[in-house]
């Protein structure tokens, strides 16, 4: 079954995952998985700050609001964009934004 996307379904509804990069060779590059099980259940997520995912370095990407911030010392938040500390308690963050204290 030809396919150029990462995940493709065969006609028998078996999940096929292509691993690797495309090749100019006629036979292409292929990878196989002998056994793949997909189960239903509770999705376990990692740490968050104010609803934003936090990575292993303590960084949270708030998008257009504050950009990427480091929340390891919350409620003191390091803003990479502003290059300063912001005091933002997590419980005051709302969908529309939040207030913050910015020291001089």
N, C-alpha and C. Protein backbone atom coordinates (compact mmCIF):
# COMPACT_ATOMS: atom_id res chain seq x y z
N UNK A 1 0.85 -1.18 0.00
CA UNK A 1 0.00 0.00 0.00
C UNK A 1 0.90 1.24 0.00
N UNK A 2 0.94 2.01 -1.07
CA UNK A 2 1.76 3.22 -1.09
C UNK A 2 1.18 4.29 -0.16
N UNK A 3 2.08 4.97 0.53
CA UNK A 3 1.64 6.00 1.45
C UNK A 3 2.82 6.90 1.77
N UNK A 4 2.59 8.20 1.87
CA UNK A 4 3.66 9.13 2.17
C UNK A 4 3.52 9.75 3.56
N UNK A 5 2.51 9.38 4.33
CA UNK A 5 2.33 9.94 5.66
C UNK A 5 2.98 9.03 6.69
N UNK A 6 3.02 9.51 7.93
CA UNK A 6 3.66 8.77 9.00
C UNK A 6 2.85 7.52 9.37
N UNK A 7 1.53 7.65 9.47
CA UNK A 7 0.69 6.51 9.85
C UNK A 7 -0.32 6.26 8.75
N UNK A 8 -0.42 5.03 8.31
CA UNK A 8 -1.35 4.66 7.25
C UNK A 8 -2.16 3.44 7.69
N UNK A 9 -3.36 3.33 7.18
CA UNK A 9 -4.19 2.15 7.45
C UNK A 9 -4.24 1.30 6.20
N UNK A 10 -4.07 0.00 6.37
CA UNK A 10 -4.21 -0.89 5.22
C UNK A 10 -5.68 -1.17 4.99
N UNK A 11 -6.00 -1.86 3.92
CA UNK A 11 -7.39 -2.18 3.61
C UNK A 11 -8.00 -3.08 4.67
N UNK A 12 -7.17 -3.85 5.37
CA UNK A 12 -7.67 -4.76 6.42
C UNK A 12 -7.75 -4.06 7.77
N UNK A 13 -7.57 -2.74 7.79
CA UNK A 13 -7.59 -1.93 9.01
C UNK A 13 -6.50 -2.30 10.01
N UNK A 14 -5.40 -2.84 9.51
CA UNK A 14 -4.23 -3.08 10.35
C UNK A 14 -3.40 -1.80 10.33
N UNK A 15 -2.89 -1.41 11.47
CA UNK A 15 -2.09 -0.20 11.56
C UNK A 15 -0.70 -0.47 11.01
N UNK A 16 -0.28 0.36 10.08
CA UNK A 16 1.06 0.27 9.50
C UNK A 16 1.77 1.57 9.81
N UNK A 17 2.95 1.47 10.39
CA UNK A 17 3.73 2.66 10.70
C UNK A 17 5.04 2.59 9.92
N UNK A 18 5.30 3.60 9.12
CA UNK A 18 6.54 3.66 8.37
C UNK A 18 7.56 4.43 9.20
N UNK A 19 8.70 3.84 9.44
CA UNK A 19 9.74 4.44 10.26
C UNK A 19 10.94 4.72 9.37
N UNK A 20 11.53 5.91 9.51
CA UNK A 20 12.71 6.25 8.73
C UNK A 20 12.41 7.39 7.78
N UNK A 21 13.31 7.58 6.86
CA UNK A 21 13.17 8.66 5.89
C UNK A 21 12.92 8.07 4.52
N UNK A 22 12.39 8.89 3.64
CA UNK A 22 12.13 8.44 2.28
C UNK A 22 13.45 8.17 1.58
N UNK A 23 13.40 7.30 0.65
CA UNK A 23 14.59 6.92 -0.10
C UNK A 23 14.34 7.09 -1.58
N UNK A 24 15.38 7.46 -2.30
CA UNK A 24 15.24 7.56 -3.75
C UNK A 24 15.42 6.20 -4.41
N UNK A 25 15.83 5.21 -3.62
CA UNK A 25 15.99 3.87 -4.17
C UNK A 25 14.62 3.29 -4.51
N UNK A 26 14.59 2.40 -5.47
CA UNK A 26 13.32 1.83 -5.91
C UNK A 26 12.63 1.04 -4.80
N UNK A 27 13.42 0.37 -3.96
CA UNK A 27 12.80 -0.45 -2.91
C UNK A 27 12.45 0.36 -1.67
N UNK A 28 12.94 1.59 -1.54
CA UNK A 28 12.57 2.45 -0.42
C UNK A 28 13.15 2.03 0.90
N UNK A 29 12.76 2.73 1.95
CA UNK A 29 13.19 2.43 3.31
C UNK A 29 11.96 2.01 4.09
N UNK A 30 12.03 0.88 4.76
CA UNK A 30 10.87 0.39 5.48
C UNK A 30 11.28 -0.08 6.87
N UNK A 31 10.34 0.01 7.77
CA UNK A 31 10.53 -0.52 9.11
C UNK A 31 9.31 -1.35 9.46
N UNK A 32 9.47 -2.31 10.33
CA UNK A 32 8.33 -3.13 10.72
C UNK A 32 8.24 -3.18 12.23
N UNK A 33 7.04 -3.40 12.70
CA UNK A 33 6.78 -3.62 14.12
C UNK A 33 6.09 -4.96 14.22
N UNK A 34 6.66 -5.86 15.00
CA UNK A 34 6.10 -7.20 15.11
C UNK A 34 4.79 -7.22 15.89
N UNK A 35 4.69 -6.38 16.94
CA UNK A 35 3.50 -6.43 17.78
C UNK A 35 3.20 -5.03 18.29
N UNK A 36 2.02 -4.54 18.03
CA UNK A 36 1.58 -3.23 18.49
C UNK A 36 0.20 -3.38 19.09
N UNK A 37 0.06 -2.99 20.34
CA UNK A 37 -1.22 -3.09 21.01
C UNK A 37 -1.69 -1.69 21.39
N UNK A 38 -2.90 -1.36 21.03
CA UNK A 38 -3.51 -0.10 21.39
C UNK A 38 -4.66 -0.42 22.33
N UNK A 39 -4.60 0.13 23.53
CA UNK A 39 -5.64 -0.16 24.51
C UNK A 39 -6.33 1.13 24.92
N UNK A 40 -7.53 0.99 25.40
CA UNK A 40 -8.27 2.13 25.91
C UNK A 40 -8.00 2.23 27.40
N UNK A 41 -8.00 3.41 27.93
CA UNK A 41 -7.79 3.59 29.35
C UNK A 41 -7.53 5.04 29.67
N UNK A 42 -7.17 5.28 30.90
CA UNK A 42 -6.91 6.63 31.37
C UNK A 42 -5.63 7.18 30.76
N UNK A 43 -5.70 8.39 30.26
CA UNK A 43 -4.53 9.05 29.71
C UNK A 43 -3.80 9.72 30.86
N UNK A 44 -2.54 9.37 31.02
CA UNK A 44 -1.74 9.94 32.10
C UNK A 44 -0.86 11.02 31.49
N UNK A 45 -1.01 12.22 32.00
CA UNK A 45 -0.23 13.32 31.46
C UNK A 45 0.86 13.71 32.44
N UNK A 46 1.79 14.51 31.95
CA UNK A 46 2.89 14.98 32.78
C UNK A 46 2.48 16.21 33.58
N UNK A 47 3.46 16.86 34.17
CA UNK A 47 3.17 18.04 34.99
C UNK A 47 2.66 19.21 34.15
N UNK A 48 1.85 20.03 34.78
CA UNK A 48 1.33 21.22 34.11
C UNK A 48 1.47 22.42 35.04
N UNK A 49 1.42 23.59 34.46
CA UNK A 49 1.32 24.84 35.21
C UNK A 49 0.23 25.66 34.54
N UNK A 50 -0.80 26.00 35.28
CA UNK A 50 -1.93 26.80 34.78
C UNK A 50 -2.52 26.22 33.50
N UNK A 51 -2.52 24.90 33.38
CA UNK A 51 -3.08 24.24 32.21
C UNK A 51 -2.11 24.05 31.06
N UNK A 52 -0.89 24.53 31.17
CA UNK A 52 0.13 24.38 30.13
C UNK A 52 1.05 23.22 30.49
N UNK A 53 1.40 22.39 29.51
CA UNK A 53 2.31 21.28 29.75
C UNK A 53 3.69 21.81 30.13
N UNK A 54 4.32 21.15 31.08
CA UNK A 54 5.66 21.51 31.54
C UNK A 54 6.62 20.39 31.14
N UNK A 55 7.72 20.74 30.47
CA UNK A 55 8.68 19.72 30.04
C UNK A 55 9.65 19.37 31.16
N UNK A 56 10.59 18.50 30.86
CA UNK A 56 11.54 18.01 31.87
C UNK A 56 12.48 19.10 32.39
N UNK A 57 12.55 20.23 31.71
CA UNK A 57 13.40 21.35 32.15
C UNK A 57 12.62 22.39 32.94
N UNK A 58 11.32 22.16 33.12
CA UNK A 58 10.48 23.12 33.84
C UNK A 58 9.91 24.21 32.96
N UNK A 59 10.04 24.06 31.64
CA UNK A 59 9.54 25.06 30.71
C UNK A 59 8.11 24.76 30.28
N UNK A 60 7.31 25.82 30.18
CA UNK A 60 5.94 25.72 29.69
C UNK A 60 5.77 26.72 28.56
N UNK A 61 5.22 26.26 27.44
CA UNK A 61 4.98 27.15 26.30
C UNK A 61 3.56 27.69 26.40
N UNK A 62 3.43 28.98 26.73
CA UNK A 62 2.12 29.60 26.88
C UNK A 62 1.64 30.24 25.58
N UNK A 63 2.35 30.02 24.51
CA UNK A 63 1.94 30.55 23.20
C UNK A 63 2.08 32.06 23.14
N UNK A 64 1.06 32.72 22.59
CA UNK A 64 1.10 34.16 22.39
C UNK A 64 1.03 34.95 23.70
N UNK A 65 0.62 34.31 24.80
CA UNK A 65 0.47 35.03 26.05
C UNK A 65 1.83 35.48 26.60
N UNK A 66 2.68 34.54 27.00
CA UNK A 66 4.00 34.88 27.57
C UNK A 66 5.14 34.19 26.83
N UNK A 67 4.82 33.38 25.84
CA UNK A 67 5.85 32.60 25.19
C UNK A 67 6.27 31.46 26.10
N UNK A 68 7.52 31.06 26.00
CA UNK A 68 8.04 29.98 26.85
C UNK A 68 8.53 30.58 28.16
N UNK A 69 8.06 30.00 29.25
CA UNK A 69 8.47 30.44 30.59
C UNK A 69 8.96 29.23 31.37
N UNK A 70 9.81 29.49 32.36
CA UNK A 70 10.25 28.42 33.25
C UNK A 70 9.50 28.56 34.56
N UNK A 71 8.87 27.47 35.00
CA UNK A 71 8.00 27.50 36.17
C UNK A 71 8.56 26.70 37.35
N UNK A 72 9.84 26.35 37.31
CA UNK A 72 10.44 25.57 38.39
C UNK A 72 10.34 26.25 39.75
N UNK A 73 10.35 27.59 39.79
CA UNK A 73 10.31 28.32 41.06
C UNK A 73 8.94 28.98 41.28
N UNK A 74 7.89 28.40 40.67
CA UNK A 74 6.55 28.98 40.79
C UNK A 74 6.21 29.21 42.26
N UNK A 75 5.58 30.33 42.57
CA UNK A 75 4.89 31.27 41.68
C UNK A 75 5.80 32.28 40.99
N UNK A 76 7.11 32.25 41.24
CA UNK A 76 8.02 33.10 40.48
C UNK A 76 8.34 32.40 39.17
N UNK A 77 8.00 33.05 38.07
CA UNK A 77 8.13 32.49 36.73
C UNK A 77 9.21 33.25 35.97
N UNK A 78 10.13 32.54 35.36
CA UNK A 78 11.15 33.19 34.54
C UNK A 78 10.64 33.32 33.11
N UNK A 79 10.60 34.55 32.59
CA UNK A 79 10.18 34.80 31.22
C UNK A 79 11.42 34.93 30.34
N UNK A 80 11.58 33.99 29.41
CA UNK A 80 12.71 34.06 28.48
C UNK A 80 12.55 35.27 27.56
N UNK A 81 11.33 35.57 27.18
CA UNK A 81 11.06 36.68 26.27
C UNK A 81 11.40 38.03 26.92
N UNK A 82 10.95 38.22 28.15
CA UNK A 82 11.19 39.49 28.86
C UNK A 82 12.51 39.51 29.61
N UNK A 83 13.12 38.34 29.76
CA UNK A 83 14.39 38.19 30.50
C UNK A 83 14.28 38.74 31.92
N UNK A 84 13.21 38.36 32.61
CA UNK A 84 12.99 38.79 33.99
C UNK A 84 12.05 37.82 34.68
N UNK A 85 11.99 37.96 36.02
CA UNK A 85 11.07 37.17 36.82
C UNK A 85 9.70 37.82 36.86
N UNK A 86 8.66 37.01 36.86
CA UNK A 86 7.28 37.45 37.01
C UNK A 86 6.67 36.68 38.18
N UNK A 87 5.95 37.38 39.03
CA UNK A 87 5.24 36.70 40.10
C UNK A 87 3.81 36.46 39.61
N UNK A 88 3.49 35.19 39.34
CA UNK A 88 2.15 34.84 38.83
C UNK A 88 1.69 33.58 39.57
N UNK A 89 0.86 33.73 40.60
CA UNK A 89 0.29 32.53 41.23
C UNK A 89 -0.57 31.77 40.22
N UNK A 90 -0.39 30.48 40.19
CA UNK A 90 -1.09 29.65 39.21
C UNK A 90 -2.61 29.77 39.30
N UNK A 91 -3.12 29.95 40.50
CA UNK A 91 -4.57 29.98 40.67
C UNK A 91 -5.23 31.28 40.18
N UNK A 92 -4.45 32.29 39.80
CA UNK A 92 -5.04 33.52 39.25
C UNK A 92 -5.02 33.55 37.72
N UNK A 93 -4.42 32.53 37.10
CA UNK A 93 -4.36 32.47 35.64
C UNK A 93 -5.71 32.00 35.11
N UNK A 94 -6.28 32.78 34.21
CA UNK A 94 -7.55 32.45 33.56
C UNK A 94 -7.35 32.41 32.05
N UNK A 95 -8.36 31.96 31.35
CA UNK A 95 -8.27 31.86 29.90
C UNK A 95 -7.97 33.20 29.24
N UNK A 96 -8.51 34.28 29.81
CA UNK A 96 -8.30 35.62 29.26
C UNK A 96 -6.96 36.22 29.64
N UNK A 97 -6.23 35.61 30.58
CA UNK A 97 -4.94 36.13 31.01
C UNK A 97 -4.81 36.13 32.51
N UNK A 98 -3.98 37.03 33.02
CA UNK A 98 -3.72 37.07 34.46
C UNK A 98 -3.05 38.38 34.82
N UNK A 99 -3.03 38.67 36.11
CA UNK A 99 -2.22 39.77 36.58
C UNK A 99 -0.87 39.20 36.98
N UNK A 100 0.14 40.03 37.04
CA UNK A 100 1.45 39.59 37.52
C UNK A 100 2.17 40.76 38.17
N UNK A 101 3.10 40.42 39.02
CA UNK A 101 3.97 41.40 39.64
C UNK A 101 5.32 41.28 38.96
N UNK A 102 5.86 42.41 38.49
CA UNK A 102 7.17 42.42 37.83
C UNK A 102 8.06 43.35 38.63
N UNK A 103 9.08 42.80 39.30
CA UNK A 103 9.94 43.67 40.11
C UNK A 103 10.81 44.59 39.23
N UNK A 104 11.20 45.72 39.80
CA UNK A 104 12.10 46.65 39.09
C UNK A 104 13.50 46.10 39.07
